[in-house]
Each structure stands twice: as C-alpha cells, then as structure tokens.
Amino acid sequence: MKGNGFKLEQVLNYRCEIEKMRKQEFASAKQDFEHAGDRLRREKERVENISEEFCHRQGELESIQEMRMYADFFARKREDIRNQKDRLDQLGNIMNDRRDFLLDATKDKKVLESLKEQKTKEFKLMMDHREQTFLDEISIQKKGTKL
C-alpha cells in the first residue's frame, strides 16, 4: 500500500519480534527437556547394567561391606532417578508454558497480518475502482469529441 501505508506496521513488526523471541525460548526449553530426558535414560541404563552385574557377582561377594556398597549405590541411584524425574516434570511444565506463550504470540501476529492483508485488498479495490472511473471518463470524453 503505497498511499497511506498500514498504520499498524510498527505493531506488526513488534509482534513478529515477540514471536521470534518466544520461538527461541520454546526451543531452549525443549532442548533442556530433551537433555534431561536423555540424562534420565542414561541413569536408568547405568543402574540396569550395574544391577545385572550385581546379580552375576552376588555369589562371588565375600563380605557384607561389599553388599552394603551395592545397596547404598542402588539407594543413591533411586534417589537420583527420582530427582531427575521431578526435574523432567518441571522442565516439561516450563516447555508447555513456553509453547502456550508461543501460540499466543503467533495468534497475535496472525491477527495483524490478516488485518494488513484485508487493508491491502481494500486499497487495491479502491485503486482499481478509481482507475476504472478514470478510464470511463476518458472514454466518455473521446466519444463526446467525435460527435
């Protein structure tokens, strides 16, 4: 729209920037969530491997102290896994919140984009109408001079 331009262009630009910022925040939260999930998976695998090792070595253990070390290790790992699950839940909630913020920012931007598109169409229709009126006037004037 060359004539008067879109009056809310600055607001649209601001909303585009907000959307970009929300996308970055969501991507960061998603990455944190995925890293925490990977860490939890690795911890579970490690405990599983050591549990298998314990089962195979159970008959070879010579003292109560060795058994206690395994028991303490498993207790500590259960606590670590529980803490990691809690952390994963927190990060999942943060990720969901940021997804909601991103959706809101996208909706706000889309509203302004559709308004801009509508104003552009209106402007184009008005210009087409003016051009047609001008061409009709020229046509009438040419017919008038030939008579």
C-alpha atoms as a PDB file:
ATOM      1  CA  MET A   1       0.000   0.000   0.000  1.00  0.00           C
ATOM      2  CA  LYS A   2       1.885   2.992  -1.276  1.00  0.00           C
ATOM      3  CA  GLY A   3      -0.645   5.685  -0.434  1.00  0.00           C
ATOM      4  CA  ASN A   4      -1.142   5.783   3.294  1.00  0.00           C
ATOM      5  CA  GLY A   5       0.570   2.531   4.318  1.00  0.00           C
ATOM      6  CA  PHE A   6      -0.536   0.116   7.005  1.00  0.00           C
ATOM      7  CA  LYS A   7      -0.981   2.169  10.162  1.00  0.00           C
ATOM      8  CA  LEU A   8      -0.207  -0.733  12.487  1.00  0.00           C
ATOM      9  CA  GLU A   9       3.026  -1.750  10.742  1.00  0.00           C
ATOM     10  CA  GLN A  10       5.134  -0.983  13.820  1.00  0.00           C
ATOM     11  CA  VAL A  11       2.845  -3.077  15.998  1.00  0.00           C
ATOM     12  CA  LEU A  12       3.083  -5.929  13.485  1.00  0.00           C
ATOM     13  CA  ASN A  13       6.894  -5.675  13.476  1.00  0.00           C
ATOM     14  CA  TYR A  14       6.889  -5.707  17.278  1.00  0.00           C
ATOM     15  CA  ARG A  15       4.681  -8.793  17.343  1.00  0.00           C
ATOM     16  CA  CYS A  16       6.975 -10.512  14.832  1.00  0.00           C
ATOM     17  CA  GLU A  17       9.913  -9.834  17.150  1.00  0.00           C
ATOM     18  CA  ILE A  18       7.957 -11.134  20.140  1.00  0.00           C
ATOM     19  CA  GLU A  19       7.128 -14.297  18.184  1.00  0.00           C
ATOM     20  CA  LYS A  20      10.827 -14.813  17.318  1.00  0.00           C
ATOM     21  CA  MET A  21      11.764 -14.367  20.960  1.00  0.00           C
ATOM     22  CA  ARG A  22       9.070 -16.845  22.062  1.00  0.00           C
ATOM     23  CA  LYS A  23      10.296 -19.357  19.472  1.00  0.00           C
ATOM     24  CA  GLN A  24      13.801 -19.116  20.895  1.00  0.00           C
ATOM     25  CA  GLU A  25      12.513 -19.527  24.448  1.00  0.00           C
ATOM     26  CA  PHE A  26      10.460 -22.558  23.444  1.00  0.00           C
ATOM     27  CA  ALA A  27      13.400 -24.097  21.562  1.00  0.00           C
ATOM     28  CA  SER A  28      15.612 -23.604  24.607  1.00  0.00           C
ATOM     29  CA  ALA A  29      13.025 -25.167  26.943  1.00  0.00           C
ATOM     30  CA  LYS A  30      12.530 -28.089  24.566  1.00  0.00           C
ATOM     31  CA  GLN A  31      16.270 -28.652  24.359  1.00  0.00           C
ATOM     32  CA  ASP A  32      16.568 -28.595  28.168  1.00  0.00           C
ATOM     33  CA  PHE A  33      13.692 -31.088  28.412  1.00  0.00           C
ATOM     34  CA  GLU A  34      15.295 -33.423  25.872  1.00  0.00           C
ATOM     35  CA  HIS A  35      18.680 -33.248  27.613  1.00  0.00           C
ATOM     36  CA  ALA A  36      17.070 -34.070  30.953  1.00  0.00           C
ATOM     37  CA  GLY A  37      15.230 -36.987  29.331  1.00  0.00           C
ATOM     38  CA  ASP A  38      18.478 -38.279  27.862  1.00  0.00           C
ATOM     39  CA  ARG A  39      20.195 -37.979  31.228  1.00  0.00           C
ATOM     40  CA  LEU A  40      17.365 -39.914  32.910  1.00  0.00           C
ATOM     41  CA  ARG A  41      17.565 -42.619  30.267  1.00  0.00           C
ATOM     42  CA  ARG A  42      21.346 -42.924  30.747  1.00  0.00           C
ATOM     43  CA  GLU A  43      20.955 -43.137  34.534  1.00  0.00           C
ATOM     44  CA  LYS A  44      18.369 -45.906  34.197  1.00  0.00           C
ATOM     45  CA  GLU A  45      20.589 -47.829  31.785  1.00  0.00           C
ATOM     46  CA  ARG A  46      23.557 -47.471  34.120  1.00  0.00           C
ATOM     47  CA  VAL A  47      21.541 -48.770  37.077  1.00  0.00           C
ATOM     48  CA  GLU A  48      20.247 -51.644  34.963  1.00  0.00           C
ATOM     49  CA  ASN A  49      23.779 -52.596  33.899  1.00  0.00           C
ATOM     50  CA  ILE A  50      25.091 -52.475  37.452  1.00  0.00           C
ATOM     51  CA  SER A  51      22.057 -54.432  38.649  1.00  0.00           C
ATOM     52  CA  GLU A  52      22.889 -57.181  36.147  1.00  0.00           C
ATOM     53  CA  GLU A  53      26.499 -57.092  37.286  1.00  0.00           C
ATOM     54  CA  PHE A  54      25.352 -57.387  40.891  1.00  0.00           C
ATOM     55  CA  CYS A  55      23.164 -60.391  40.045  1.00  0.00           C
ATOM     56  CA  HIS A  56      26.108 -62.146  38.368  1.00  0.00           C
ATOM     57  CA  ARG A  57      28.558 -61.302  41.139  1.00  0.00           C
ATOM     58  CA  GLN A  58      26.221 -61.942  44.063  1.00  0.00           C
ATOM     59  CA  GLY A  59      27.680 -65.360  44.746  1.00  0.00           C
ATOM     60  CA  GLU A  60      31.231 -64.019  44.487  1.00  0.00           C
ATOM     61  CA  LEU A  61      30.827 -61.251  47.055  1.00  0.00           C
ATOM     62  CA  GLU A  62      32.913 -62.045  50.069  1.00  0.00           C
ATOM     63  CA  SER A  63      31.794 -59.555  52.667  1.00  0.00           C
ATOM     64  CA  ILE A  64      28.816 -57.717  53.985  1.00  0.00           C
ATOM     65  CA  GLN A  65      30.682 -54.487  53.242  1.00  0.00           C
ATOM     66  CA  GLU A  66      30.582 -55.186  49.506  1.00  0.00           C
ATOM     67  CA  MET A  67      26.844 -55.916  49.726  1.00  0.00           C
ATOM     68  CA  ARG A  68      26.317 -52.650  51.612  1.00  0.00           C
ATOM     69  CA  MET A  69      28.215 -50.744  48.942  1.00  0.00           C
ATOM     70  CA  TYR A  70      25.886 -52.098  46.273  1.00  0.00           C
ATOM     71  CA  ALA A  71      22.823 -51.393  48.432  1.00  0.00           C
ATOM     72  CA  ASP A  72      23.982 -47.834  49.118  1.00  0.00           C
ATOM     73  CA  PHE A  73      24.721 -47.317  45.451  1.00  0.00           C
ATOM     74  CA  PHE A  74      21.254 -48.536  44.424  1.00  0.00           C
ATOM     75  CA  ALA A  75      19.584 -46.356  47.073  1.00  0.00           C
ATOM     76  CA  ARG A  76      21.535 -43.307  45.876  1.00  0.00           C
ATOM     77  CA  LYS A  77      20.685 -44.054  42.245  1.00  0.00           C
ATOM     78  CA  ARG A  78      16.983 -44.480  43.059  1.00  0.00           C
ATOM     79  CA  GLU A  79      17.089 -41.049  44.677  1.00  0.00           C
ATOM     80  CA  ASP A  80      18.974 -39.585  41.684  1.00  0.00           C
ATOM     81  CA  ILE A  81      16.434 -41.072  39.276  1.00  0.00           C
ATOM     82  CA  ARG A  82      13.515 -39.757  41.335  1.00  0.00           C
ATOM     83  CA  ASN A  83      15.117 -36.285  41.397  1.00  0.00           C
ATOM     84  CA  GLN A  84      15.734 -36.447  37.653  1.00  0.00           C
ATOM     85  CA  LYS A  85      12.096 -37.432  37.047  1.00  0.00           C
ATOM     86  CA  ASP A  86      10.978 -34.448  39.119  1.00  0.00           C
ATOM     87  CA  ARG A  87      13.319 -32.210  37.134  1.00  0.00           C
ATOM     88  CA  LEU A  88      11.965 -33.667  33.892  1.00  0.00           C
ATOM     89  CA  ASP A  89       8.400 -32.908  35.033  1.00  0.00           C
ATOM     90  CA  GLN A  90       9.373 -29.322  35.879  1.00  0.00           C
ATOM     91  CA  LEU A  91      11.059 -28.861  32.518  1.00  0.00           C
ATOM     92  CA  GLY A  92       8.026 -30.375  30.786  1.00  0.00           C
ATOM     93  CA  ASN A  93       5.778 -27.830  32.505  1.00  0.00           C
ATOM     94  CA  ILE A  94       8.118 -24.998  31.542  1.00  0.00           C
ATOM     95  CA  MET A  95       8.179 -26.249  27.951  1.00  0.00           C
ATOM     96  CA  ASN A  96       4.368 -26.414  27.851  1.00  0.00           C
ATOM     97  CA  ASP A  97       4.095 -22.891  29.263  1.00  0.00           C
ATOM     98  CA  ARG A  98       6.506 -21.571  26.665  1.00  0.00           C
ATOM     99  CA  ARG A  99       4.607 -23.405  23.932  1.00  0.00           C
ATOM    100  CA  ASP A 100       1.452 -21.638  25.088  1.00  0.00           C
ATOM    101  CA  PHE A 101       3.257 -18.268  25.053  1.00  0.00           C
ATOM    102  CA  LEU A 102       4.498 -19.010  21.536  1.00  0.00           C
ATOM    103  CA  LEU A 103       0.997 -19.909  20.366  1.00  0.00           C
ATOM    104  CA  ASP A 104      -0.390 -16.684  21.836  1.00  0.00           C
ATOM    105  CA  ALA A 105       2.335 -14.621  20.167  1.00  0.00           C
ATOM    106  CA  THR A 106       1.696 -16.360  16.847  1.00  0.00           C
ATOM    107  CA  LYS A 107      -2.046 -15.722  17.118  1.00  0.00           C
ATOM    108  CA  ASP A 108      -1.451 -12.043  17.875  1.00  0.00           C
ATOM    109  CA  LYS A 109       0.817 -11.724  14.860  1.00  0.00           C
ATOM    110  CA  LYS A 110      -1.599 -13.586  12.577  1.00  0.00           C
ATOM    111  CA  VAL A 111      -4.445 -11.244  13.547  1.00  0.00           C
ATOM    112  CA  LEU A 112      -2.420  -8.234  12.481  1.00  0.00           C
ATOM    113  CA  GLU A 113      -1.194  -9.949   9.315  1.00  0.00           C
ATOM    114  CA  SER A 114      -4.762 -10.754   8.280  1.00  0.00           C
ATOM    115  CA  LEU A 115      -5.808  -7.173   9.044  1.00  0.00           C
ATOM    116  CA  LYS A 116      -2.932  -5.898   6.917  1.00  0.00           C
ATOM    117  CA  GLU A 117      -3.919  -8.263   4.116  1.00  0.00           C
ATOM    118  CA  GLN A 118      -7.521  -7.098   4.324  1.00  0.00           C
ATOM    119  CA  LYS A 119      -6.453  -3.431   4.208  1.00  0.00           C
ATOM    120  CA  THR A 120      -4.222  -4.183   1.219  1.00  0.00           C
ATOM    121  CA  LYS A 121      -7.134  -5.790  -0.635  1.00  0.00           C
ATOM    122  CA  GLU A 122      -9.374  -2.838   0.179  1.00  0.00           C
ATOM    123  CA  PHE A 123      -6.732  -0.429  -1.076  1.00  0.00           C
ATOM    124  CA  LYS A 124      -6.283  -2.412  -4.275  1.00  0.00           C
ATOM    125  CA  LEU A 125     -10.054  -2.494  -4.878  1.00  0.00           C
ATOM    126  CA  MET A 126     -10.265   1.243  -4.309  1.00  0.00           C
ATOM    127  CA  MET A 127      -7.390   1.855  -6.736  1.00  0.00           C
ATOM    128  CA  ASP A 128      -8.985  -0.458  -9.325  1.00  0.00           C
ATOM    129  CA  HIS A 129     -12.272   1.417  -8.938  1.00  0.00           C
ATOM    130  CA  ARG A 130     -10.518   4.799  -9.368  1.00  0.00           C
ATOM    131  CA  GLU A 131      -8.680   3.524 -12.424  1.00  0.00           C
ATOM    132  CA  GLN A 132     -11.917   2.216 -13.950  1.00  0.00           C
ATOM    133  CA  THR A 133     -13.658   5.537 -13.242  1.00  0.00           C
ATOM    134  CA  PHE A 134     -10.770   7.391 -14.855  1.00  0.00           C
ATOM    135  CA  LEU A 135     -10.853   5.128 -17.929  1.00  0.00           C
ATOM    136  CA  ASP A 136     -14.629   5.541 -18.182  1.00  0.00           C
ATOM    137  CA  GLU A 137     -14.221   9.310 -18.053  1.00  0.00           C
ATOM    138  CA  ILE A 138     -11.588   9.222 -20.812  1.00  0.00           C
ATOM    139  CA  SER A 139     -13.860   7.017 -22.910  1.00  0.00           C
ATOM    140  CA  ILE A 140     -16.796   9.387 -22.443  1.00  0.00           C
ATOM    141  CA  GLN A 141     -14.653  12.383 -23.348  1.00  0.00           C
ATOM    142  CA  LYS A 142     -13.399  10.685 -26.547  1.00  0.00           C
ATOM    143  CA  LYS A 143     -16.970   9.836 -27.601  1.00  0.00           C
ATOM    144  CA  GLY A 144     -18.044  13.384 -26.925  1.00  0.00           C
ATOM    145  CA  THR A 145     -15.351  14.863 -29.179  1.00  0.00           C
ATOM    146  CA  LYS A 146     -16.212  12.504 -32.095  1.00  0.00           C
ATOM    147  CA  LEU A 147     -19.895  13.506 -32.165  1.00  0.00           C
END
